[in-house]
Amino acid sequence: MLTPLPAFMLGHSVVVEPYLGRTSVGPRYGPAVTVACFVDEQTRTVRDPAGREVVSSSTFYARPGLDCPADSRVTLPSGRRTTVIAVLDRSGGGMPTPDHVEVQLL
């Protein structure tokens, strides 16, 4: 049973442009989508998909089902544009906890 983050926890919104791949002229992104979320602007060390340690400047938490692969472009509420390091599924596995995705940003 899916128990998504409750609406009262989604007080921010970010704009996500999903990464579609690289072309001969640079990265290609999908259409921009506004996502309701909770933004935590805290600097911390995280691991990227390749396992390397990198510094994350911000994290946002959103409901499951978000199309936001690593290298997607994100515009934060402050207007700052950044890039996705990793997206982590935080499912409660059927327990009554809020299921969500954690998106770590450069």
PDB file of N, CA and C in Angstrom:
ATOM      1  N   MET A   1       0.842  -1.184   0.000  1.00  0.00           N
ATOM      2  CA  MET A   1       0.000   0.000   0.000  1.00  0.00           C
ATOM      3  C   MET A   1       0.884   1.243   0.000  1.00  0.00           C
ATOM      4  N   LEU A   2       0.620   2.155  -0.878  1.00  0.00           N
ATOM      5  CA  LEU A   2       1.406   3.382  -1.015  1.00  0.00           C
ATOM      6  C   LEU A   2       0.858   4.455  -0.088  1.00  0.00           C
ATOM      7  N   THR A   3       1.738   5.032   0.726  1.00  0.00           N
ATOM      8  CA  THR A   3       1.376   6.138   1.604  1.00  0.00           C
ATOM      9  C   THR A   3       2.264   7.317   1.234  1.00  0.00           C
ATOM     10  N   PRO A   4       1.833   8.176   0.292  1.00  0.00           N
ATOM     11  CA  PRO A   4       2.692   9.273  -0.148  1.00  0.00           C
ATOM     12  C   PRO A   4       2.828  10.365   0.913  1.00  0.00           C
ATOM     13  N   LEU A   5       3.834  11.203   0.715  1.00  0.00           N
ATOM     14  CA  LEU A   5       4.007  12.350   1.597  1.00  0.00           C
ATOM     15  C   LEU A   5       2.711  13.151   1.651  1.00  0.00           C
ATOM     16  N   PRO A   6       2.287  13.577   2.837  1.00  0.00           N
ATOM     17  CA  PRO A   6       1.065  14.382   2.921  1.00  0.00           C
ATOM     18  C   PRO A   6       1.275  15.777   2.318  1.00  0.00           C
ATOM     19  N   ALA A   7       0.198  16.346   1.824  1.00  0.00           N
ATOM     20  CA  ALA A   7       0.254  17.643   1.132  1.00  0.00           C
ATOM     21  C   ALA A   7       0.852  18.744   1.999  1.00  0.00           C
ATOM     22  N   PHE A   8       0.607  18.720   3.324  1.00  0.00           N
ATOM     23  CA  PHE A   8       1.119  19.799   4.169  1.00  0.00           C
ATOM     24  C   PHE A   8       2.649  19.821   4.220  1.00  0.00           C
ATOM     25  N   MET A   9       3.301  18.730   3.828  1.00  0.00           N
ATOM     26  CA  MET A   9       4.768  18.679   3.815  1.00  0.00           C
ATOM     27  C   MET A   9       5.357  19.185   2.502  1.00  0.00           C
ATOM     28  N   LEU A  10       4.513  19.490   1.529  1.00  0.00           N
ATOM     29  CA  LEU A  10       4.972  19.881   0.200  1.00  0.00           C
ATOM     30  C   LEU A  10       4.788  21.382  -0.007  1.00  0.00           C
ATOM     31  N   GLY A  11       5.421  22.181   0.839  1.00  0.00           N
ATOM     32  CA  GLY A  11       5.248  23.629   0.821  1.00  0.00           C
ATOM     33  C   GLY A  11       6.084  24.366  -0.201  1.00  0.00           C
ATOM     34  N   HIS A  12       7.001  23.695  -0.869  1.00  0.00           N
ATOM     35  CA  HIS A  12       7.845  24.324  -1.887  1.00  0.00           C
ATOM     36  C   HIS A  12       7.486  23.764  -3.251  1.00  0.00           C
ATOM     37  N   SER A  13       8.048  24.372  -4.278  1.00  0.00           N
ATOM     38  CA  SER A  13       7.969  23.779  -5.608  1.00  0.00           C
ATOM     39  C   SER A  13       9.275  24.052  -6.331  1.00  0.00           C
ATOM     40  N   VAL A  14       9.675  23.087  -7.138  1.00  0.00           N
ATOM     41  CA  VAL A  14      10.866  23.206  -7.972  1.00  0.00           C
ATOM     42  C   VAL A  14      10.454  22.915  -9.405  1.00  0.00           C
ATOM     43  N   VAL A  15      11.284  23.330 -10.338  1.00  0.00           N
ATOM     44  CA  VAL A  15      11.043  23.025 -11.750  1.00  0.00           C
ATOM     45  C   VAL A  15      12.094  22.009 -12.168  1.00  0.00           C
ATOM     46  N   VAL A  16      11.624  20.867 -12.676  1.00  0.00           N
ATOM     47  CA  VAL A  16      12.509  19.775 -13.089  1.00  0.00           C
ATOM     48  C   VAL A  16      12.466  19.655 -14.608  1.00  0.00           C
ATOM     49  N   GLU A  17      13.656  19.606 -15.210  1.00  0.00           N
ATOM     50  CA  GLU A  17      13.806  19.315 -16.634  1.00  0.00           C
ATOM     51  C   GLU A  17      14.538  17.978 -16.722  1.00  0.00           C
ATOM     52  N   PRO A  18      13.804  16.876 -16.964  1.00  0.00           N
ATOM     53  CA  PRO A  18      14.420  15.545 -16.936  1.00  0.00           C
ATOM     54  C   PRO A  18      15.527  15.381 -17.978  1.00  0.00           C
ATOM     55  N   TYR A  19      16.625  14.798 -17.545  1.00  0.00           N
ATOM     56  CA  TYR A  19      17.763  14.534 -18.436  1.00  0.00           C
ATOM     57  C   TYR A  19      17.390  13.417 -19.401  1.00  0.00           C
ATOM     58  N   LEU A  20      17.568  13.656 -20.704  1.00  0.00           N
ATOM     59  CA  LEU A  20      17.235  12.664 -21.726  1.00  0.00           C
ATOM     60  C   LEU A  20      18.457  12.028 -22.358  1.00  0.00           C
ATOM     61  N   GLY A  21      19.625  12.593 -22.127  1.00  0.00           N
ATOM     62  CA  GLY A  21      20.850  12.046 -22.709  1.00  0.00           C
ATOM     63  C   GLY A  21      21.712  13.140 -23.290  1.00  0.00           C
ATOM     64  N   ARG A  22      22.822  12.704 -23.866  1.00  0.00           N
ATOM     65  CA  ARG A  22      23.792  13.639 -24.422  1.00  0.00           C
ATOM     66  C   ARG A  22      23.706  13.598 -25.934  1.00  0.00           C
ATOM     67  N   THR A  23      23.831  14.765 -26.545  1.00  0.00           N
ATOM     68  CA  THR A  23      23.874  14.876 -28.002  1.00  0.00           C
ATOM     69  C   THR A  23      25.235  15.435 -28.392  1.00  0.00           C
ATOM     70  N   SER A  24      25.454  15.621 -29.675  1.00  0.00           N
ATOM     71  CA  SER A  24      26.738  16.160 -30.137  1.00  0.00           C
ATOM     72  C   SER A  24      26.949  17.607 -29.701  1.00  0.00           C
ATOM     73  N   VAL A  25      25.866  18.294 -29.297  1.00  0.00           N
ATOM     74  CA  VAL A  25      25.986  19.686 -28.869  1.00  0.00           C
ATOM     75  C   VAL A  25      25.786  19.862 -27.356  1.00  0.00           C
ATOM     76  N   GLY A  26      25.670  18.765 -26.617  1.00  0.00           N
ATOM     77  CA  GLY A  26      25.531  18.866 -25.163  1.00  0.00           C
ATOM     78  C   GLY A  26      24.343  18.077 -24.647  1.00  0.00           C
ATOM     79  N   PRO A  27      24.007  18.281 -23.373  1.00  0.00           N
ATOM     80  CA  PRO A  27      22.900  17.523 -22.772  1.00  0.00           C
ATOM     81  C   PRO A  27      21.550  17.910 -23.366  1.00  0.00           C
ATOM     82  N   ARG A  28      20.625  16.952 -23.351  1.00  0.00           N
ATOM     83  CA  ARG A  28      19.262  17.183 -23.842  1.00  0.00           C
ATOM     84  C   ARG A  28      18.305  16.926 -22.685  1.00  0.00           C
ATOM     85  N   TYR A  29      17.333  17.827 -22.520  1.00  0.00           N
ATOM     86  CA  TYR A  29      16.385  17.758 -21.415  1.00  0.00           C
ATOM     87  C   TYR A  29      14.953  17.685 -21.943  1.00  0.00           C
ATOM     88  N   GLY A  30      14.086  17.053 -21.161  1.00  0.00           N
ATOM     89  CA  GLY A  30      12.666  16.993 -21.492  1.00  0.00           C
ATOM     90  C   GLY A  30      11.969  18.271 -21.058  1.00  0.00           C
ATOM     91  N   PRO A  31      10.661  18.331 -21.284  1.00  0.00           N
ATOM     92  CA  PRO A  31       9.887  19.525 -20.918  1.00  0.00           C
ATOM     93  C   PRO A  31       9.942  19.793 -19.410  1.00  0.00           C
ATOM     94  N   ALA A  32       9.961  21.058 -19.057  1.00  0.00           N
ATOM     95  CA  ALA A  32      10.000  21.470 -17.651  1.00  0.00           C
ATOM     96  C   ALA A  32       8.677  21.125 -16.969  1.00  0.00           C
ATOM     97  N   VAL A  33       8.787  20.593 -15.745  1.00  0.00           N
ATOM     98  CA  VAL A  33       7.619  20.212 -14.950  1.00  0.00           C
ATOM     99  C   VAL A  33       7.770  20.823 -13.564  1.00  0.00           C
ATOM    100  N   THR A  34       6.714  21.456 -13.054  1.00  0.00           N
ATOM    101  CA  THR A  34       6.735  21.993 -11.691  1.00  0.00           C
ATOM    102  C   THR A  34       6.336  20.879 -10.730  1.00  0.00           C
ATOM    103  N   VAL A  35       7.147  20.694  -9.687  1.00  0.00           N
ATOM    104  CA  VAL A  35       6.954  19.594  -8.729  1.00  0.00           C
ATOM    105  C   VAL A  35       6.763  20.161  -7.330  1.00  0.00           C
ATOM    106  N   ALA A  36       5.666  19.770  -6.679  1.00  0.00           N
ATOM    107  CA  ALA A  36       5.454  20.125  -5.272  1.00  0.00           C
ATOM    108  C   ALA A  36       6.401  19.270  -4.439  1.00  0.00           C
ATOM    109  N   CYS A  37       7.077  19.898  -3.466  1.00  0.00           N
ATOM    110  CA  CYS A  37       8.088  19.168  -2.716  1.00  0.00           C
ATOM    111  C   CYS A  37       8.423  19.896  -1.407  1.00  0.00           C
ATOM    112  N   PHE A  38       9.379  19.337  -0.692  1.00  0.00           N
ATOM    113  CA  PHE A  38       9.978  19.985   0.466  1.00  0.00           C
ATOM    114  C   PHE A  38      11.454  20.134   0.153  1.00  0.00           C
ATOM    115  N   VAL A  39      11.981  21.345   0.199  1.00  0.00           N
ATOM    116  CA  VAL A  39      13.393  21.617  -0.115  1.00  0.00           C
ATOM    117  C   VAL A  39      14.175  21.798   1.178  1.00  0.00           C
ATOM    118  N   ASP A  40      15.317  21.109   1.254  1.00  0.00           N
ATOM    119  CA  ASP A  40      16.235  21.223   2.390  1.00  0.00           C
ATOM    120  C   ASP A  40      17.581  21.681   1.839  1.00  0.00           C
ATOM    121  N   GLU A  41      17.902  22.964   2.049  1.00  0.00           N
ATOM    122  CA  GLU A  41      19.175  23.497   1.539  1.00  0.00           C
ATOM    123  C   GLU A  41      20.244  23.321   2.605  1.00  0.00           C
ATOM    124  N   GLN A  42      20.828  22.134   2.577  1.00  0.00           N
ATOM    125  CA  GLN A  42      21.854  21.762   3.554  1.00  0.00           C
ATOM    126  C   GLN A  42      23.002  21.115   2.799  1.00  0.00           C
ATOM    127  N   THR A  43      24.223  21.522   3.090  1.00  0.00           N
ATOM    128  CA  THR A  43      25.383  20.948   2.436  1.00  0.00           C
ATOM    129  C   THR A  43      25.790  19.672   3.157  1.00  0.00           C
ATOM    130  N   ARG A  44      25.970  18.596   2.363  1.00  0.00           N
ATOM    131  CA  ARG A  44      26.407  17.314   2.931  1.00  0.00           C
ATOM    132  C   ARG A  44      27.090  16.487   1.860  1.00  0.00           C
ATOM    133  N   THR A  45      27.851  15.508   2.288  1.00  0.00           N
ATOM    134  CA  THR A  45      28.525  14.611   1.372  1.00  0.00           C
ATOM    135  C   THR A  45      27.608  13.439   1.059  1.00  0.00           C
ATOM    136  N   VAL A  46      27.457  13.134  -0.244  1.00  0.00           N
ATOM    137  CA  VAL A  46      26.623  12.013  -0.692  1.00  0.00           C
ATOM    138  C   VAL A  46      27.412  11.221  -1.737  1.00  0.00           C
ATOM    139  N   ARG A  47      26.854  10.105  -2.160  1.00  0.00           N
ATOM    140  CA  ARG A  47      27.477   9.314  -3.228  1.00  0.00           C
ATOM    141  C   ARG A  47      26.658   9.449  -4.504  1.00  0.00           C
ATOM    142  N   ASP A  48      27.361   9.624  -5.627  1.00  0.00           N
ATOM    143  CA  ASP A  48      26.671   9.696  -6.910  1.00  0.00           C
ATOM    144  C   ASP A  48      26.390   8.274  -7.396  1.00  0.00           C
ATOM    145  N   PRO A  49      25.685   8.103  -8.525  1.00  0.00           N
ATOM    146  CA  PRO A  49      25.361   6.752  -9.002  1.00  0.00           C
ATOM    147  C   PRO A  49      26.586   5.868  -9.259  1.00  0.00           C
ATOM    148  N   ALA A  50      27.744   6.475  -9.514  1.00  0.00           N
ATOM    149  CA  ALA A  50      28.967   5.704  -9.736  1.00  0.00           C
ATOM    150  C   ALA A  50      29.673   5.359  -8.424  1.00  0.00           C
ATOM    151  N   GLY A  51      29.154   5.841  -7.289  1.00  0.00           N
ATOM    152  CA  GLY A  51      29.749   5.530  -5.988  1.00  0.00           C
ATOM    153  C   GLY A  51      30.775   6.532  -5.499  1.00  0.00           C
ATOM    154  N   ARG A  52      31.011   7.600  -6.266  1.00  0.00           N
ATOM    155  CA  ARG A  52      31.979   8.624  -5.846  1.00  0.00           C
ATOM    156  C   ARG A  52      31.341   9.552  -4.817  1.00  0.00           C
ATOM    157  N   GLU A  53      32.148  10.004  -3.863  1.00  0.00           N
ATOM    158  CA  GLU A  53      31.663  10.995  -2.901  1.00  0.00           C
ATOM    159  C   GLU A  53      31.655  12.369  -3.544  1.00  0.00           C
ATOM    160  N   VAL A  54      30.522  13.068  -3.444  1.00  0.00           N
ATOM    161  CA  VAL A  54      30.389  14.433  -3.958  1.00  0.00           C
ATOM    162  C   VAL A  54      29.661  15.261  -2.907  1.00  0.00           C
ATOM    163  N   VAL A  55      29.745  16.568  -3.029  1.00  0.00           N
ATOM    164  CA  VAL A  55      29.081  17.460  -2.076  1.00  0.00           C
ATOM    165  C   VAL A  55      27.735  17.891  -2.647  1.00  0.00           C
ATOM    166  N   SER A  56      26.690  17.645  -1.882  1.00  0.00           N
ATOM    167  CA  SER A  56      25.338  18.056  -2.250  1.00  0.00           C
ATOM    168  C   SER A  56      25.019  19.353  -1.517  1.00  0.00           C
ATOM    169  N   SER A  57      24.514  20.346  -2.250  1.00  0.00           N
ATOM    170  CA  SER A  57      24.182  21.638  -1.638  1.00  0.00           C
ATOM    171  C   SER A  57      22.731  21.696  -1.189  1.00  0.00           C
ATOM    172  N   SER A  58      21.884  20.824  -1.768  1.00  0.00           N
ATOM    173  CA  SER A  58      20.455  20.842  -1.474  1.00  0.00           C
ATOM    174  C   SER A  58      19.868  19.470  -1.737  1.00  0.00           C
ATOM    175  N   THR A  59      18.721  19.231  -1.116  1.00  0.00           N
ATOM    176  CA  THR A  59      17.963  18.000  -1.336  1.00  0.00           C
ATOM    177  C   THR A  59      16.495  18.392  -1.380  1.00  0.00           C
ATOM    178  N   PHE A  60      15.731  17.732  -2.244  1.00  0.00           N
ATOM    179  CA  PHE A  60      14.289  17.913  -2.140  1.00  0.00           C
ATOM    180  C   PHE A  60      13.604  16.561  -2.062  1.00  0.00           C
ATOM    181  N   TYR A  61      12.448  16.577  -1.412  1.00  0.00           N
ATOM    182  CA  TYR A  61      11.663  15.365  -1.178  1.00  0.00           C
ATOM    183  C   TYR A  61      10.324  15.550  -1.868  1.00  0.00           C
ATOM    184  N   ALA A  62       9.927  14.557  -2.663  1.00  0.00           N
ATOM    185  CA  ALA A  62       8.683  14.649  -3.434  1.00  0.00           C
ATOM    186  C   ALA A  62       7.952  13.305  -3.396  1.00  0.00           C
ATOM    187  N   ARG A  63       6.760  13.314  -3.909  1.00  0.00           N
ATOM    188  CA  ARG A  63       5.964  12.088  -3.955  1.00  0.00           C
ATOM    189  C   ARG A  63       6.570  11.092  -4.947  1.00  0.00           C
ATOM    190  N   PRO A  64       6.311   9.803  -4.739  1.00  0.00           N
ATOM    191  CA  PRO A  64       6.828   8.769  -5.651  1.00  0.00           C
ATOM    192  C   PRO A  64       6.330   8.980  -7.079  1.00  0.00           C
ATOM    193  N   GLY A  65       7.080   8.441  -8.030  1.00  0.00           N
ATOM    194  CA  GLY A  65       6.694   8.515  -9.433  1.00  0.00           C
ATOM    195  C   GLY A  65       7.310   9.672 -10.193  1.00  0.00           C
ATOM    196  N   LEU A  66       8.194  10.402  -9.563  1.00  0.00           N
ATOM    197  CA  LEU A  66       8.828  11.562 -10.191  1.00  0.00           C
ATOM    198  C   LEU A  66       9.810  11.123 -11.275  1.00  0.00           C
ATOM    199  N   ASP A  67       9.720  11.711 -12.471  1.00  0.00           N
ATOM    200  CA  ASP A  67      10.664  11.452 -13.557  1.00  0.00           C
ATOM    201  C   ASP A  67      11.789  12.471 -13.446  1.00  0.00           C
ATOM    202  N   CYS A  68      12.879  12.055 -12.804  1.00  0.00           N
ATOM    203  CA  CYS A  68      13.972  12.988 -12.507  1.00  0.00           C
ATOM    204  C   CYS A  68      15.282  12.213 -12.396  1.00  0.00           C
ATOM    205  N   PRO A  69      15.804  11.685 -13.509  1.00  0.00           N
ATOM    206  CA  PRO A  69      17.045  10.909 -13.432  1.00  0.00           C
ATOM    207  C   PRO A  69      18.250  11.781 -13.095  1.00  0.00           C
ATOM    208  N   ALA A  70      19.337  11.125 -12.713  1.00  0.00           N
ATOM    209  CA  ALA A  70      20.594  11.841 -12.462  1.00  0.00           C
ATOM    210  C   ALA A  70      20.917  12.703 -13.679  1.00  0.00           C
ATOM    211  N   ASP A  71      21.499  13.853 -13.442  1.00  0.00           N
ATOM    212  CA  ASP A  71      21.885  14.851 -14.444  1.00  0.00           C
ATOM    213  C   ASP A  71      20.725  15.712 -14.937  1.00  0.00           C
ATOM    214  N   SER A  72      19.511  15.509 -14.386  1.00  0.00           N
ATOM    215  CA  SER A  72      18.398  16.397 -14.717  1.00  0.00           C
ATOM    216  C   SER A  72      18.712  17.793 -14.197  1.00  0.00           C
ATOM    217  N   ARG A  73      18.074  18.782 -14.789  1.00  0.00           N
ATOM    218  CA  ARG A  73      18.272  20.175 -14.376  1.00  0.00           C
ATOM    219  C   ARG A  73      17.104  20.567 -13.481  1.00  0.00           C
ATOM    220  N   VAL A  74      17.410  21.254 -12.361  1.00  0.00           N
ATOM    221  CA  VAL A  74      16.391  21.652 -11.390  1.00  0.00           C
ATOM    222  C   VAL A  74      16.563  23.130 -11.068  1.00  0.00           C
ATOM    223  N   THR A  75      15.444  23.860 -11.052  1.00  0.00           N
ATOM    224  CA  THR A  75      15.445  25.250 -10.608  1.00  0.00           C
ATOM    225  C   THR A  75      14.763  25.292  -9.248  1.00  0.00           C
ATOM    226  N   LEU A  76      15.499  25.757  -8.241  1.00  0.00           N
ATOM    227  CA  LEU A  76      15.001  25.823  -6.866  1.00  0.00           C
ATOM    228  C   LEU A  76      14.122  27.055  -6.663  1.00  0.00           C
ATOM    229  N   PRO A  77      13.371  27.103  -5.557  1.00  0.00           N
ATOM    230  CA  PRO A  77      12.517  28.278  -5.289  1.00  0.00           C
ATOM    231  C   PRO A  77      13.292  29.600  -5.288  1.00  0.00           C
ATOM    232  N   SER A  78      14.567  29.559  -4.927  1.00  0.00           N
ATOM    233  CA  SER A  78      15.392  30.771  -4.910  1.00  0.00           C
ATOM    234  C   SER A  78      15.754  31.249  -6.305  1.00  0.00           C
ATOM    235  N   GLY A  79      15.497  30.402  -7.318  1.00  0.00           N
ATOM    236  CA  GLY A  79      15.882  30.730  -8.685  1.00  0.00           C
ATOM    237  C   GLY A  79      17.197  30.096  -9.098  1.00  0.00           C
ATOM    238  N   ARG A  80      17.917  29.532  -8.138  1.00  0.00           N
ATOM    239  CA  ARG A  80      19.203  28.886  -8.442  1.00  0.00           C
ATOM    240  C   ARG A  80      18.958  27.627  -9.249  1.00  0.00           C
ATOM    241  N   ARG A  81      19.745  27.462 -10.315  1.00  0.00           N
ATOM    242  CA  ARG A  81      19.666  26.273 -11.161  1.00  0.00           C
ATOM    243  C   ARG A  81      20.766  25.310 -10.763  1.00  0.00           C
ATOM    244  N   THR A  82      20.428  24.038 -10.657  1.00  0.00           N
ATOM    245  CA  THR A  82      21.384  23.034 -10.230  1.00  0.00           C
ATOM    246  C   THR A  82      21.119  21.726 -10.964  1.00  0.00           C
ATOM    247  N   THR A  83      21.897  20.703 -10.639  1.00  0.00           N
ATOM    248  CA  THR A  83      21.823  19.419 -11.330  1.00  0.00           C
ATOM    249  C   THR A  83      21.609  18.295 -10.333  1.00  0.00           C
ATOM    250  N   VAL A  84      20.865  17.280 -10.739  1.00  0.00           N
ATOM    251  CA  VAL A  84      20.598  16.128  -9.885  1.00  0.00           C
ATOM    252  C   VAL A  84      21.825  15.229  -9.803  1.00  0.00           C
ATOM    253  N   ILE A  85      22.199  14.888  -8.564  1.00  0.00           N
ATOM    254  CA  ILE A  85      23.277  13.926  -8.340  1.00  0.00           C
ATOM    255  C   ILE A  85      22.687  12.519  -8.356  1.00  0.00           C
ATOM    256  N   ALA A  86      21.663  12.297  -7.534  1.00  0.00           N
ATOM    257  CA  ALA A  86      21.046  10.973  -7.411  1.00  0.00           C
ATOM    258  C   ALA A  86      19.610  11.113  -6.942  1.00  0.00           C
ATOM    259  N   VAL A  87      18.799  10.117  -7.284  1.00  0.00           N
ATOM    260  CA  VAL A  87      17.405  10.042  -6.847  1.00  0.00           C
ATOM    261  C   VAL A  87      17.246   8.729  -6.094  1.00  0.00           C
ATOM    262  N   LEU A  88      16.766   8.818  -4.851  1.00  0.00           N
ATOM    263  CA  LEU A  88      16.644   7.640  -3.997  1.00  0.00           C
ATOM    264  C   LEU A  88      15.182   7.373  -3.677  1.00  0.00           C
ATOM    265  N   ASP A  89      14.750   6.139  -3.885  1.00  0.00           N
ATOM    266  CA  ASP A  89      13.387   5.727  -3.552  1.00  0.00           C
ATOM    267  C   ASP A  89      13.327   5.461  -2.056  1.00  0.00           C
ATOM    268  N   ARG A  90      12.476   6.156  -1.359  1.00  0.00           N
ATOM    269  CA  ARG A  90      12.325   6.001   0.090  1.00  0.00           C
ATOM    270  C   ARG A  90      10.949   5.407   0.384  1.00  0.00           C
ATOM    271  N   SER A  91      10.773   4.148  -0.027  1.00  0.00           N
ATOM    272  CA  SER A  91       9.510   3.447   0.173  1.00  0.00           C
ATOM    273  C   SER A  91       9.495   2.818   1.554  1.00  0.00           C
ATOM    274  N   GLY A  92       8.352   2.863   2.199  1.00  0.00           N
ATOM    275  CA  GLY A  92       8.197   2.256   3.520  1.00  0.00           C
ATOM    276  C   GLY A  92       7.969   0.762   3.449  1.00  0.00           C
ATOM    277  N   GLY A  93       7.913   0.178   2.250  1.00  0.00           N
ATOM    278  CA  GLY A  93       7.734  -1.250   2.110  1.00  0.00           C
ATOM    279  C   GLY A  93       6.418  -1.754   2.681  1.00  0.00           C
ATOM    280  N   GLY A  94       5.380  -0.944   2.579  1.00  0.00           N
ATOM    281  CA  GLY A  94       4.077  -1.337   3.088  1.00  0.00           C
ATOM    282  C   GLY A  94       3.813  -0.884   4.515  1.00  0.00           C
ATOM    283  N   MET A  95       4.842  -0.389   5.199  1.00  0.00           N
ATOM    284  CA  MET A  95       4.636   0.130   6.552  1.00  0.00           C
ATOM    285  C   MET A  95       3.968   1.497   6.447  1.00  0.00           C
ATOM    286  N   PRO A  96       3.282   1.936   7.500  1.00  0.00           N
ATOM    287  CA  PRO A  96       2.567   3.227   7.437  1.00  0.00           C
ATOM    288  C   PRO A  96       3.500   4.430   7.606  1.00  0.00           C
ATOM    289  N   THR A  97       4.475   4.526   6.738  1.00  0.00           N
ATOM    290  CA  THR A  97       5.390   5.671   6.727  1.00  0.00           C
ATOM    291  C   THR A  97       5.214   6.387   5.387  1.00  0.00           C
ATOM    292  N   PRO A  98       5.549   7.673   5.305  1.00  0.00           N
ATOM    293  CA  PRO A  98       5.354   8.385   4.039  1.00  0.00           C
ATOM    294  C   PRO A  98       6.357   7.947   2.967  1.00  0.00           C
ATOM    295  N   ASP A  99       5.861   7.350   1.907  1.00  0.00           N
ATOM    296  CA  ASP A  99       6.696   6.973   0.769  1.00  0.00           C
ATOM    297  C   ASP A  99       7.038   8.238  -0.011  1.00  0.00           C
ATOM    298  N   HIS A 100       8.299   8.342  -0.443  1.00  0.00           N
ATOM    299  CA  HIS A 100       8.728   9.526  -1.176  1.00  0.00           C
ATOM    300  C   HIS A 100      10.011   9.240  -1.932  1.00  0.00           C
ATOM    301  N   VAL A 101      10.439  10.200  -2.721  1.00  0.00           N
ATOM    302  CA  VAL A 101      11.751  10.146  -3.361  1.00  0.00           C
ATOM    303  C   VAL A 101      12.586  11.282  -2.781  1.00  0.00           C
ATOM    304  N   GLU A 102      13.863  10.990  -2.610  1.00  0.00           N
ATOM    305  CA  GLU A 102      14.841  11.979  -2.147  1.00  0.00           C
ATOM    306  C   GLU A 102      15.710  12.320  -3.331  1.00  0.00           C
ATOM    307  N   VAL A 103      15.780  13.589  -3.705  1.00  0.00           N
ATOM    308  CA  VAL A 103      16.563  14.025  -4.857  1.00  0.00           C
ATOM    309  C   VAL A 103      17.712  14.878  -4.346  1.00  0.00           C
ATOM    310  N   GLN A 104      18.933  14.361  -4.514  1.00  0.00           N
ATOM    311  CA  GLN A 104      20.140  15.057  -4.059  1.00  0.00           C
ATOM    312  C   GLN A 104      20.670  15.911  -5.198  1.00  0.00           C
ATOM    313  N   LEU A 105      20.998  17.164  -4.882  1.00  0.00           N
ATOM    314  CA  LEU A 105      21.386  18.156  -5.900  1.00  0.00           C
ATOM    315  C   LEU A 105      22.787  18.686  -5.676  1.00  0.00           C
ATOM    316  N   LEU A 106      23.457  19.039  -6.780  1.00  0.00           N
ATOM    317  CA  LEU A 106      24.770  19.691  -6.691  1.00  0.00           C
ATOM    318  C   LEU A 106      24.627  21.065  -6.095  1.00  0.00           C
TER     319      LEU A 106
END
